[in-house]
Amino acid sequence: MVSLNEKPLITTQAIIQPNPSNGVFLIRSEKEKIKQVVVMDNLASKISSNTNSVNDNLMTINLSEYPKGIYFELVEIGNFFKTEKLIQE
């Protein structure tokens, strides 16, 4: 059950390519506008936040200045949120 203050999880698909990557990730939504992407390290510390998209359904995230490893992104698409794992090689 979702309270009035919480946004439900995304039911539409967010596609991340390539994943794993050398640091540059492309995030695409099939139907809804991507409003924001927040990237966190494995300790859940926010390292990046991006609201500038290439277009409404496409966003590029550049983590090449960060060490190789596993990161997590919180994608806000339309009125929904989705968490995805990013692998930087």
PDB file of N, CA and C in Angstrom:
ATOM      1  N   MET A   1       0.835  -1.177   0.000  1.00  0.00           N
ATOM      2  CA  MET A   1       0.000   0.000   0.000  1.00  0.00           C
ATOM      3  C   MET A   1       0.881   1.242   0.000  1.00  0.00           C
ATOM      4  N   VAL A   2       0.498   2.238  -0.757  1.00  0.00           N
ATOM      5  CA  VAL A   2       1.262   3.474  -0.889  1.00  0.00           C
ATOM      6  C   VAL A   2       0.507   4.591  -0.194  1.00  0.00           C
ATOM      7  N   SER A   3       1.232   5.354   0.638  1.00  0.00           N
ATOM      8  CA  SER A   3       0.588   6.490   1.304  1.00  0.00           C
ATOM      9  C   SER A   3       0.467   7.649   0.319  1.00  0.00           C
ATOM     10  N   LEU A   4      -0.216   8.683   0.713  1.00  0.00           N
ATOM     11  CA  LEU A   4      -0.407   9.834  -0.152  1.00  0.00           C
ATOM     12  C   LEU A   4       0.896  10.561  -0.438  1.00  0.00           C
ATOM     13  N   ASN A   5       1.882  10.447   0.451  1.00  0.00           N
ATOM     14  CA  ASN A   5       3.146  11.146   0.285  1.00  0.00           C
ATOM     15  C   ASN A   5       4.183  10.334  -0.473  1.00  0.00           C
ATOM     16  N   GLU A   6       3.930   9.056  -0.723  1.00  0.00           N
ATOM     17  CA  GLU A   6       4.888   8.209  -1.418  1.00  0.00           C
ATOM     18  C   GLU A   6       4.479   8.055  -2.871  1.00  0.00           C
ATOM     19  N   LYS A   7       5.503   7.976  -3.744  1.00  0.00           N
ATOM     20  CA  LYS A   7       5.236   7.703  -5.146  1.00  0.00           C
ATOM     21  C   LYS A   7       5.409   6.207  -5.376  1.00  0.00           C
ATOM     22  N   PRO A   8       4.521   5.592  -6.151  1.00  0.00           N
ATOM     23  CA  PRO A   8       4.644   4.158  -6.399  1.00  0.00           C
ATOM     24  C   PRO A   8       5.839   3.845  -7.285  1.00  0.00           C
ATOM     25  N   LEU A   9       6.269   2.578  -7.274  1.00  0.00           N
ATOM     26  CA  LEU A   9       7.360   2.151  -8.127  1.00  0.00           C
ATOM     27  C   LEU A   9       6.922   2.176  -9.581  1.00  0.00           C
ATOM     28  N   ILE A  10       7.893   2.312 -10.464  1.00  0.00           N
ATOM     29  CA  ILE A  10       7.617   2.404 -11.893  1.00  0.00           C
ATOM     30  C   ILE A  10       7.050   1.096 -12.422  1.00  0.00           C
ATOM     31  N   THR A  11       6.020   1.225 -13.215  1.00  0.00           N
ATOM     32  CA  THR A  11       5.483   0.057 -13.905  1.00  0.00           C
ATOM     33  C   THR A  11       5.919   0.066 -15.364  1.00  0.00           C
ATOM     34  N   THR A  12       6.432   1.190 -15.851  1.00  0.00           N
ATOM     35  CA  THR A  12       6.975   1.245 -17.199  1.00  0.00           C
ATOM     36  C   THR A  12       8.450   0.906 -17.138  1.00  0.00           C
ATOM     37  N   GLN A  13       9.021   0.568 -18.265  1.00  0.00           N
ATOM     38  CA  GLN A  13      10.391   0.093 -18.287  1.00  0.00           C
ATOM     39  C   GLN A  13      11.383   1.214 -18.537  1.00  0.00           C
ATOM     40  N   ALA A  14      12.476   1.201 -17.767  1.00  0.00           N
ATOM     41  CA  ALA A  14      13.618   2.074 -18.003  1.00  0.00           C
ATOM     42  C   ALA A  14      14.748   1.174 -18.487  1.00  0.00           C
ATOM     43  N   ILE A  15      15.332   1.511 -19.627  1.00  0.00           N
ATOM     44  CA  ILE A  15      16.378   0.687 -20.220  1.00  0.00           C
ATOM     45  C   ILE A  15      17.701   1.416 -20.063  1.00  0.00           C
ATOM     46  N   ILE A  16      18.714   0.701 -19.551  1.00  0.00           N
ATOM     47  CA  ILE A  16      20.048   1.261 -19.350  1.00  0.00           C
ATOM     48  C   ILE A  16      20.990   0.548 -20.303  1.00  0.00           C
ATOM     49  N   GLN A  17      21.717   1.342 -21.101  1.00  0.00           N
ATOM     50  CA  GLN A  17      22.661   0.759 -22.046  1.00  0.00           C
ATOM     51  C   GLN A  17      23.920   1.597 -22.088  1.00  0.00           C
ATOM     52  N   PRO A  18      25.093   1.053 -22.254  1.00  0.00           N
ATOM     53  CA  PRO A  18      25.381  -0.342 -21.948  1.00  0.00           C
ATOM     54  C   PRO A  18      25.497  -0.522 -20.446  1.00  0.00           C
ATOM     55  N   ASN A  19      25.307  -1.682 -19.983  1.00  0.00           N
ATOM     56  CA  ASN A  19      25.443  -1.994 -18.557  1.00  0.00           C
ATOM     57  C   ASN A  19      25.873  -3.446 -18.442  1.00  0.00           C
ATOM     58  N   PRO A  20      27.137  -3.704 -18.148  1.00  0.00           N
ATOM     59  CA  PRO A  20      28.191  -2.817 -17.639  1.00  0.00           C
ATOM     60  C   PRO A  20      28.705  -1.831 -18.694  1.00  0.00           C
ATOM     61  N   SER A  21      29.381  -0.785 -18.188  1.00  0.00           N
ATOM     62  CA  SER A  21      29.854   0.301 -19.043  1.00  0.00           C
ATOM     63  C   SER A  21      31.229   0.767 -18.590  1.00  0.00           C
ATOM     64  N   ASN A  22      31.864   1.571 -19.440  1.00  0.00           N
ATOM     65  CA  ASN A  22      33.140   2.195 -19.063  1.00  0.00           C
ATOM     66  C   ASN A  22      32.908   3.507 -18.321  1.00  0.00           C
ATOM     67  N   GLY A  23      31.656   3.843 -18.044  1.00  0.00           N
ATOM     68  CA  GLY A  23      31.347   5.033 -17.260  1.00  0.00           C
ATOM     69  C   GLY A  23      30.235   5.888 -17.814  1.00  0.00           C
ATOM     70  N   VAL A  24      29.904   5.725 -19.096  1.00  0.00           N
ATOM     71  CA  VAL A  24      28.826   6.512 -19.704  1.00  0.00           C
ATOM     72  C   VAL A  24      27.636   5.596 -19.945  1.00  0.00           C
ATOM     73  N   PHE A  25      26.516   5.939 -19.322  1.00  0.00           N
ATOM     74  CA  PHE A  25      25.299   5.143 -19.406  1.00  0.00           C
ATOM     75  C   PHE A  25      24.211   5.957 -20.089  1.00  0.00           C
ATOM     76  N   LEU A  26      23.431   5.305 -20.913  1.00  0.00           N
ATOM     77  CA  LEU A  26      22.290   5.920 -21.567  1.00  0.00           C
ATOM     78  C   LEU A  26      21.035   5.308 -20.962  1.00  0.00           C
ATOM     79  N   ILE A  27      20.140   6.147 -20.460  1.00  0.00           N
ATOM     80  CA  ILE A  27      18.902   5.684 -19.835  1.00  0.00           C
ATOM     81  C   ILE A  27      17.748   6.120 -20.723  1.00  0.00           C
ATOM     82  N   ARG A  28      16.906   5.154 -21.062  1.00  0.00           N
ATOM     83  CA  ARG A  28      15.788   5.427 -21.964  1.00  0.00           C
ATOM     84  C   ARG A  28      14.498   4.903 -21.358  1.00  0.00           C
ATOM     85  N   SER A  29      13.470   5.697 -21.451  1.00  0.00           N
ATOM     86  CA  SER A  29      12.137   5.306 -21.024  1.00  0.00           C
ATOM     87  C   SER A  29      11.284   5.106 -22.269  1.00  0.00           C
ATOM     88  N   GLU A  30      10.530   4.023 -22.275  1.00  0.00           N
ATOM     89  CA  GLU A  30       9.734   3.724 -23.466  1.00  0.00           C
ATOM     90  C   GLU A  30       8.497   4.602 -23.593  1.00  0.00           C
ATOM     91  N   LYS A  31       7.908   5.025 -22.469  1.00  0.00           N
ATOM     92  CA  LYS A  31       6.635   5.744 -22.543  1.00  0.00           C
ATOM     93  C   LYS A  31       6.638   7.087 -21.837  1.00  0.00           C
ATOM     94  N   GLU A  32       7.172   7.137 -20.637  1.00  0.00           N
ATOM     95  CA  GLU A  32       7.057   8.327 -19.789  1.00  0.00           C
ATOM     96  C   GLU A  32       8.301   9.207 -19.856  1.00  0.00           C
ATOM     97  N   LYS A  33       8.154  10.467 -19.490  1.00  0.00           N
ATOM     98  CA  LYS A  33       9.268  11.411 -19.420  1.00  0.00           C
ATOM     99  C   LYS A  33      10.158  11.080 -18.226  1.00  0.00           C
ATOM    100  N   ILE A  34      11.480  11.100 -18.441  1.00  0.00           N
ATOM    101  CA  ILE A  34      12.433  10.947 -17.345  1.00  0.00           C
ATOM    102  C   ILE A  34      12.575  12.304 -16.677  1.00  0.00           C
ATOM    103  N   LYS A  35      12.180  12.383 -15.416  1.00  0.00           N
ATOM    104  CA  LYS A  35      12.256  13.658 -14.693  1.00  0.00           C
ATOM    105  C   LYS A  35      13.609  13.848 -14.024  1.00  0.00           C
ATOM    106  N   GLN A  36      14.149  12.776 -13.435  1.00  0.00           N
ATOM    107  CA  GLN A  36      15.382  12.905 -12.668  1.00  0.00           C
ATOM    108  C   GLN A  36      16.046  11.547 -12.516  1.00  0.00           C
ATOM    109  N   VAL A  37      17.385  11.572 -12.443  1.00  0.00           N
ATOM    110  CA  VAL A  37      18.158  10.372 -12.128  1.00  0.00           C
ATOM    111  C   VAL A  37      19.134  10.748 -11.025  1.00  0.00           C
ATOM    112  N   VAL A  38      19.114   9.990  -9.936  1.00  0.00           N
ATOM    113  CA  VAL A  38      20.047  10.176  -8.822  1.00  0.00           C
ATOM    114  C   VAL A  38      20.916   8.925  -8.761  1.00  0.00           C
ATOM    115  N   VAL A  39      22.240   9.108  -8.741  1.00  0.00           N
ATOM    116  CA  VAL A  39      23.175   7.982  -8.669  1.00  0.00           C
ATOM    117  C   VAL A  39      23.793   7.956  -7.286  1.00  0.00           C
ATOM    118  N   MET A  40      23.842   6.739  -6.705  1.00  0.00           N
ATOM    119  CA  MET A  40      24.398   6.532  -5.361  1.00  0.00           C
ATOM    120  C   MET A  40      25.480   5.473  -5.412  1.00  0.00           C
ATOM    121  N   ASP A  41      26.448   5.590  -4.512  1.00  0.00           N
ATOM    122  CA  ASP A  41      27.474   4.555  -4.414  1.00  0.00           C
ATOM    123  C   ASP A  41      26.944   3.393  -3.580  1.00  0.00           C
ATOM    124  N   ASN A  42      27.801   2.404  -3.327  1.00  0.00           N
ATOM    125  CA  ASN A  42      27.338   1.215  -2.594  1.00  0.00           C
ATOM    126  C   ASN A  42      27.063   1.476  -1.120  1.00  0.00           C
ATOM    127  N   LEU A  43      27.362   2.672  -0.635  1.00  0.00           N
ATOM    128  CA  LEU A  43      27.029   3.051   0.743  1.00  0.00           C
ATOM    129  C   LEU A  43      25.792   3.944   0.779  1.00  0.00           C
ATOM    130  N   ALA A  44      25.117   4.066  -0.358  1.00  0.00           N
ATOM    131  CA  ALA A  44      23.899   4.866  -0.518  1.00  0.00           C
ATOM    132  C   ALA A  44      24.155   6.366  -0.374  1.00  0.00           C
ATOM    133  N   SER A  45      25.395   6.788  -0.631  1.00  0.00           N
ATOM    134  CA  SER A  45      25.711   8.220  -0.651  1.00  0.00           C
ATOM    135  C   SER A  45      25.467   8.751  -2.059  1.00  0.00           C
ATOM    136  N   LYS A  46      24.745   9.851  -2.163  1.00  0.00           N
ATOM    137  CA  LYS A  46      24.451  10.437  -3.470  1.00  0.00           C
ATOM    138  C   LYS A  46      25.721  11.011  -4.069  1.00  0.00           C
ATOM    139  N   ILE A  47      26.044  10.597  -5.291  1.00  0.00           N
ATOM    140  CA  ILE A  47      27.236  11.112  -5.963  1.00  0.00           C
ATOM    141  C   ILE A  47      26.883  11.950  -7.184  1.00  0.00           C
ATOM    142  N   SER A  48      25.662  11.800  -7.686  1.00  0.00           N
ATOM    143  CA  SER A  48      25.275  12.536  -8.882  1.00  0.00           C
ATOM    144  C   SER A  48      23.761  12.669  -8.937  1.00  0.00           C
ATOM    145  N   SER A  49      23.316  13.798  -9.440  1.00  0.00           N
ATOM    146  CA  SER A  49      21.889  14.010  -9.667  1.00  0.00           C
ATOM    147  C   SER A  49      21.755  14.742 -10.990  1.00  0.00           C
ATOM    148  N   ASN A  50      20.879  14.248 -11.845  1.00  0.00           N
ATOM    149  CA  ASN A  50      20.769  14.807 -13.177  1.00  0.00           C
ATOM    150  C   ASN A  50      19.308  15.014 -13.537  1.00  0.00           C
ATOM    151  N   THR A  51      18.983  16.219 -13.960  1.00  0.00           N
ATOM    152  CA  THR A  51      17.640  16.502 -14.451  1.00  0.00           C
ATOM    153  C   THR A  51      17.684  16.968 -15.900  1.00  0.00           C
ATOM    154  N   ASN A  52      18.879  17.039 -16.485  1.00  0.00           N
ATOM    155  CA  ASN A  52      19.018  17.469 -17.875  1.00  0.00           C
ATOM    156  C   ASN A  52      18.999  16.256 -18.782  1.00  0.00           C
ATOM    157  N   SER A  53      17.947  16.114 -19.554  1.00  0.00           N
ATOM    158  CA  SER A  53      17.856  14.966 -20.447  1.00  0.00           C
ATOM    159  C   SER A  53      18.116  15.381 -21.884  1.00  0.00           C
ATOM    160  N   VAL A  54      18.578  14.411 -22.683  1.00  0.00           N
ATOM    161  CA  VAL A  54      18.792  14.644 -24.102  1.00  0.00           C
ATOM    162  C   VAL A  54      17.460  15.004 -24.744  1.00  0.00           C
ATOM    163  N   ASN A  55      16.439  14.260 -24.395  1.00  0.00           N
ATOM    164  CA  ASN A  55      15.055  14.603 -24.711  1.00  0.00           C
ATOM    165  C   ASN A  55      14.208  14.044 -23.574  1.00  0.00           C
ATOM    166  N   ASP A  56      12.924  14.109 -23.673  1.00  0.00           N
ATOM    167  CA  ASP A  56      12.071  13.686 -22.555  1.00  0.00           C
ATOM    168  C   ASP A  56      12.246  12.228 -22.161  1.00  0.00           C
ATOM    169  N   ASN A  57      12.627  11.372 -23.101  1.00  0.00           N
ATOM    170  CA  ASN A  57      12.693   9.932 -22.832  1.00  0.00           C
ATOM    171  C   ASN A  57      14.116   9.391 -22.817  1.00  0.00           C
ATOM    172  N   LEU A  58      15.130  10.259 -22.819  1.00  0.00           N
ATOM    173  CA  LEU A  58      16.516   9.826 -22.930  1.00  0.00           C
ATOM    174  C   LEU A  58      17.407  10.676 -22.033  1.00  0.00           C
ATOM    175  N   MET A  59      18.286  10.024 -21.272  1.00  0.00           N
ATOM    176  CA  MET A  59      19.205  10.754 -20.397  1.00  0.00           C
ATOM    177  C   MET A  59      20.557  10.050 -20.396  1.00  0.00           C
ATOM    178  N   THR A  60      21.632  10.829 -20.363  1.00  0.00           N
ATOM    179  CA  THR A  60      22.983  10.292 -20.299  1.00  0.00           C
ATOM    180  C   THR A  60      23.570  10.560 -18.923  1.00  0.00           C
ATOM    181  N   ILE A  61      24.177   9.531 -18.336  1.00  0.00           N
ATOM    182  CA  ILE A  61      24.857   9.650 -17.041  1.00  0.00           C
ATOM    183  C   ILE A  61      26.332   9.326 -17.265  1.00  0.00           C
ATOM    184  N   ASN A  62      27.222  10.207 -16.819  1.00  0.00           N
ATOM    185  CA  ASN A  62      28.660   9.994 -16.983  1.00  0.00           C
ATOM    186  C   ASN A  62      29.300   9.795 -15.611  1.00  0.00           C
ATOM    187  N   LEU A  63      29.749   8.567 -15.361  1.00  0.00           N
ATOM    188  CA  LEU A  63      30.413   8.238 -14.097  1.00  0.00           C
ATOM    189  C   LEU A  63      31.900   7.972 -14.299  1.00  0.00           C
ATOM    190  N   SER A  64      32.452   8.359 -15.442  1.00  0.00           N
ATOM    191  CA  SER A  64      33.838   8.022 -15.760  1.00  0.00           C
ATOM    192  C   SER A  64      34.845   8.628 -14.782  1.00  0.00           C
ATOM    193  N   GLU A  65      34.487   9.672 -14.057  1.00  0.00           N
ATOM    194  CA  GLU A  65      35.398  10.272 -13.079  1.00  0.00           C
ATOM    195  C   GLU A  65      35.376   9.538 -11.735  1.00  0.00           C
ATOM    196  N   TYR A  66      34.490   8.568 -11.588  1.00  0.00           N
ATOM    197  CA  TYR A  66      34.371   7.800 -10.351  1.00  0.00           C
ATOM    198  C   TYR A  66      35.048   6.445 -10.505  1.00  0.00           C
ATOM    199  N   PRO A  67      35.463   5.826  -9.396  1.00  0.00           N
ATOM    200  CA  PRO A  67      36.133   4.520  -9.474  1.00  0.00           C
ATOM    201  C   PRO A  67      35.219   3.436 -10.051  1.00  0.00           C
ATOM    202  N   LYS A  68      35.857   2.417 -10.610  1.00  0.00           N
ATOM    203  CA  LYS A  68      35.114   1.260 -11.098  1.00  0.00           C
ATOM    204  C   LYS A  68      34.368   0.629  -9.943  1.00  0.00           C
ATOM    205  N   GLY A  69      33.200   0.073 -10.226  1.00  0.00           N
ATOM    206  CA  GLY A  69      32.434  -0.571  -9.166  1.00  0.00           C
ATOM    207  C   GLY A  69      30.958  -0.610  -9.484  1.00  0.00           C
ATOM    208  N   ILE A  70      30.181  -0.886  -8.459  1.00  0.00           N
ATOM    209  CA  ILE A  70      28.736  -0.975  -8.586  1.00  0.00           C
ATOM    210  C   ILE A  70      28.100   0.278  -7.999  1.00  0.00           C
ATOM    211  N   TYR A  71      27.185   0.856  -8.740  1.00  0.00           N
ATOM    212  CA  TYR A  71      26.448   2.042  -8.320  1.00  0.00           C
ATOM    213  C   TYR A  71      24.954   1.749  -8.471  1.00  0.00           C
ATOM    214  N   PHE A  72      24.156   2.569  -7.854  1.00  0.00           N
ATOM    215  CA  PHE A  72      22.708   2.414  -7.962  1.00  0.00           C
ATOM    216  C   PHE A  72      22.111   3.735  -8.416  1.00  0.00           C
ATOM    217  N   GLU A  73      21.125   3.638  -9.285  1.00  0.00           N
ATOM    218  CA  GLU A  73      20.453   4.838  -9.744  1.00  0.00           C
ATOM    219  C   GLU A  73      18.990   4.770  -9.365  1.00  0.00           C
ATOM    220  N   LEU A  74      18.482   5.906  -8.960  1.00  0.00           N
ATOM    221  CA  LEU A  74      17.056   6.062  -8.683  1.00  0.00           C
ATOM    222  C   LEU A  74      16.505   6.914  -9.812  1.00  0.00           C
ATOM    223  N   VAL A  75      15.648   6.322 -10.627  1.00  0.00           N
ATOM    224  CA  VAL A  75      15.100   7.002 -11.791  1.00  0.00           C
ATOM    225  C   VAL A  75      13.671   7.432 -11.484  1.00  0.00           C
ATOM    226  N   GLU A  76      13.389   8.712 -11.713  1.00  0.00           N
ATOM    227  CA  GLU A  76      12.013   9.201 -11.594  1.00  0.00           C
ATOM    228  C   GLU A  76      11.473   9.375 -12.999  1.00  0.00           C
ATOM    229  N   ILE A  77      10.478   8.573 -13.324  1.00  0.00           N
ATOM    230  CA  ILE A  77       9.845   8.612 -14.642  1.00  0.00           C
ATOM    231  C   ILE A  77       8.365   8.893 -14.428  1.00  0.00           C
ATOM    232  N   GLY A  78       7.891   9.969 -15.019  1.00  0.00           N
ATOM    233  CA  GLY A  78       6.495  10.349 -14.799  1.00  0.00           C
ATOM    234  C   GLY A  78       6.270  10.581 -13.314  1.00  0.00           C
ATOM    235  N   ASN A  79       5.337   9.871 -12.723  1.00  0.00           N
ATOM    236  CA  ASN A  79       5.066   9.971 -11.291  1.00  0.00           C
ATOM    237  C   ASN A  79       5.554   8.747 -10.531  1.00  0.00           C
ATOM    238  N   PHE A  80       6.539   8.044 -11.073  1.00  0.00           N
ATOM    239  CA  PHE A  80       7.000   6.796 -10.484  1.00  0.00           C
ATOM    240  C   PHE A  80       8.512   6.809 -10.277  1.00  0.00           C
ATOM    241  N   PHE A  81       8.995   5.930  -9.392  1.00  0.00           N
ATOM    242  CA  PHE A  81      10.419   5.747  -9.127  1.00  0.00           C
ATOM    243  C   PHE A  81      10.819   4.315  -9.432  1.00  0.00           C
ATOM    244  N   LYS A  82      12.075   4.142  -9.864  1.00  0.00           N
ATOM    245  CA  LYS A  82      12.623   2.810 -10.077  1.00  0.00           C
ATOM    246  C   LYS A  82      14.104   2.848  -9.720  1.00  0.00           C
ATOM    247  N   THR A  83      14.586   1.781  -9.076  1.00  0.00           N
ATOM    248  CA  THR A  83      16.002   1.670  -8.735  1.00  0.00           C
ATOM    249  C   THR A  83      16.635   0.625  -9.633  1.00  0.00           C
ATOM    250  N   GLU A  84      17.818   0.962 -10.174  1.00  0.00           N
ATOM    251  CA  GLU A  84      18.557   0.066 -11.049  1.00  0.00           C
ATOM    252  C   GLU A  84      20.013   0.019 -10.605  1.00  0.00           C
ATOM    253  N   LYS A  85      20.668  -1.101 -10.876  1.00  0.00           N
ATOM    254  CA  LYS A  85      22.088  -1.253 -10.568  1.00  0.00           C
ATOM    255  C   LYS A  85      22.907  -0.888 -11.805  1.00  0.00           C
ATOM    256  N   LEU A  86      23.967  -0.082 -11.629  1.00  0.00           N
ATOM    257  CA  LEU A  86      24.897   0.282 -12.690  1.00  0.00           C
ATOM    258  C   LEU A  86      26.244  -0.355 -12.386  1.00  0.00           C
ATOM    259  N   ILE A  87      26.865  -0.961 -13.386  1.00  0.00           N
ATOM    260  CA  ILE A  87      28.187  -1.570 -13.198  1.00  0.00           C
ATOM    261  C   ILE A  87      29.173  -0.826 -14.087  1.00  0.00           C
ATOM    262  N   GLN A  88      30.183  -0.251 -13.447  1.00  0.00           N
ATOM    263  CA  GLN A  88      31.223   0.458 -14.184  1.00  0.00           C
ATOM    264  C   GLN A  88      32.498  -0.371 -14.166  1.00  0.00           C
ATOM    265  N   GLU A  89      32.962  -0.709 -15.344  1.00  0.00           N
ATOM    266  CA  GLU A  89      34.182  -1.540 -15.465  1.00  0.00           C
ATOM    267  C   GLU A  89      35.403  -0.702 -15.767  1.00  0.00           C
TER     268      GLU A  89
END
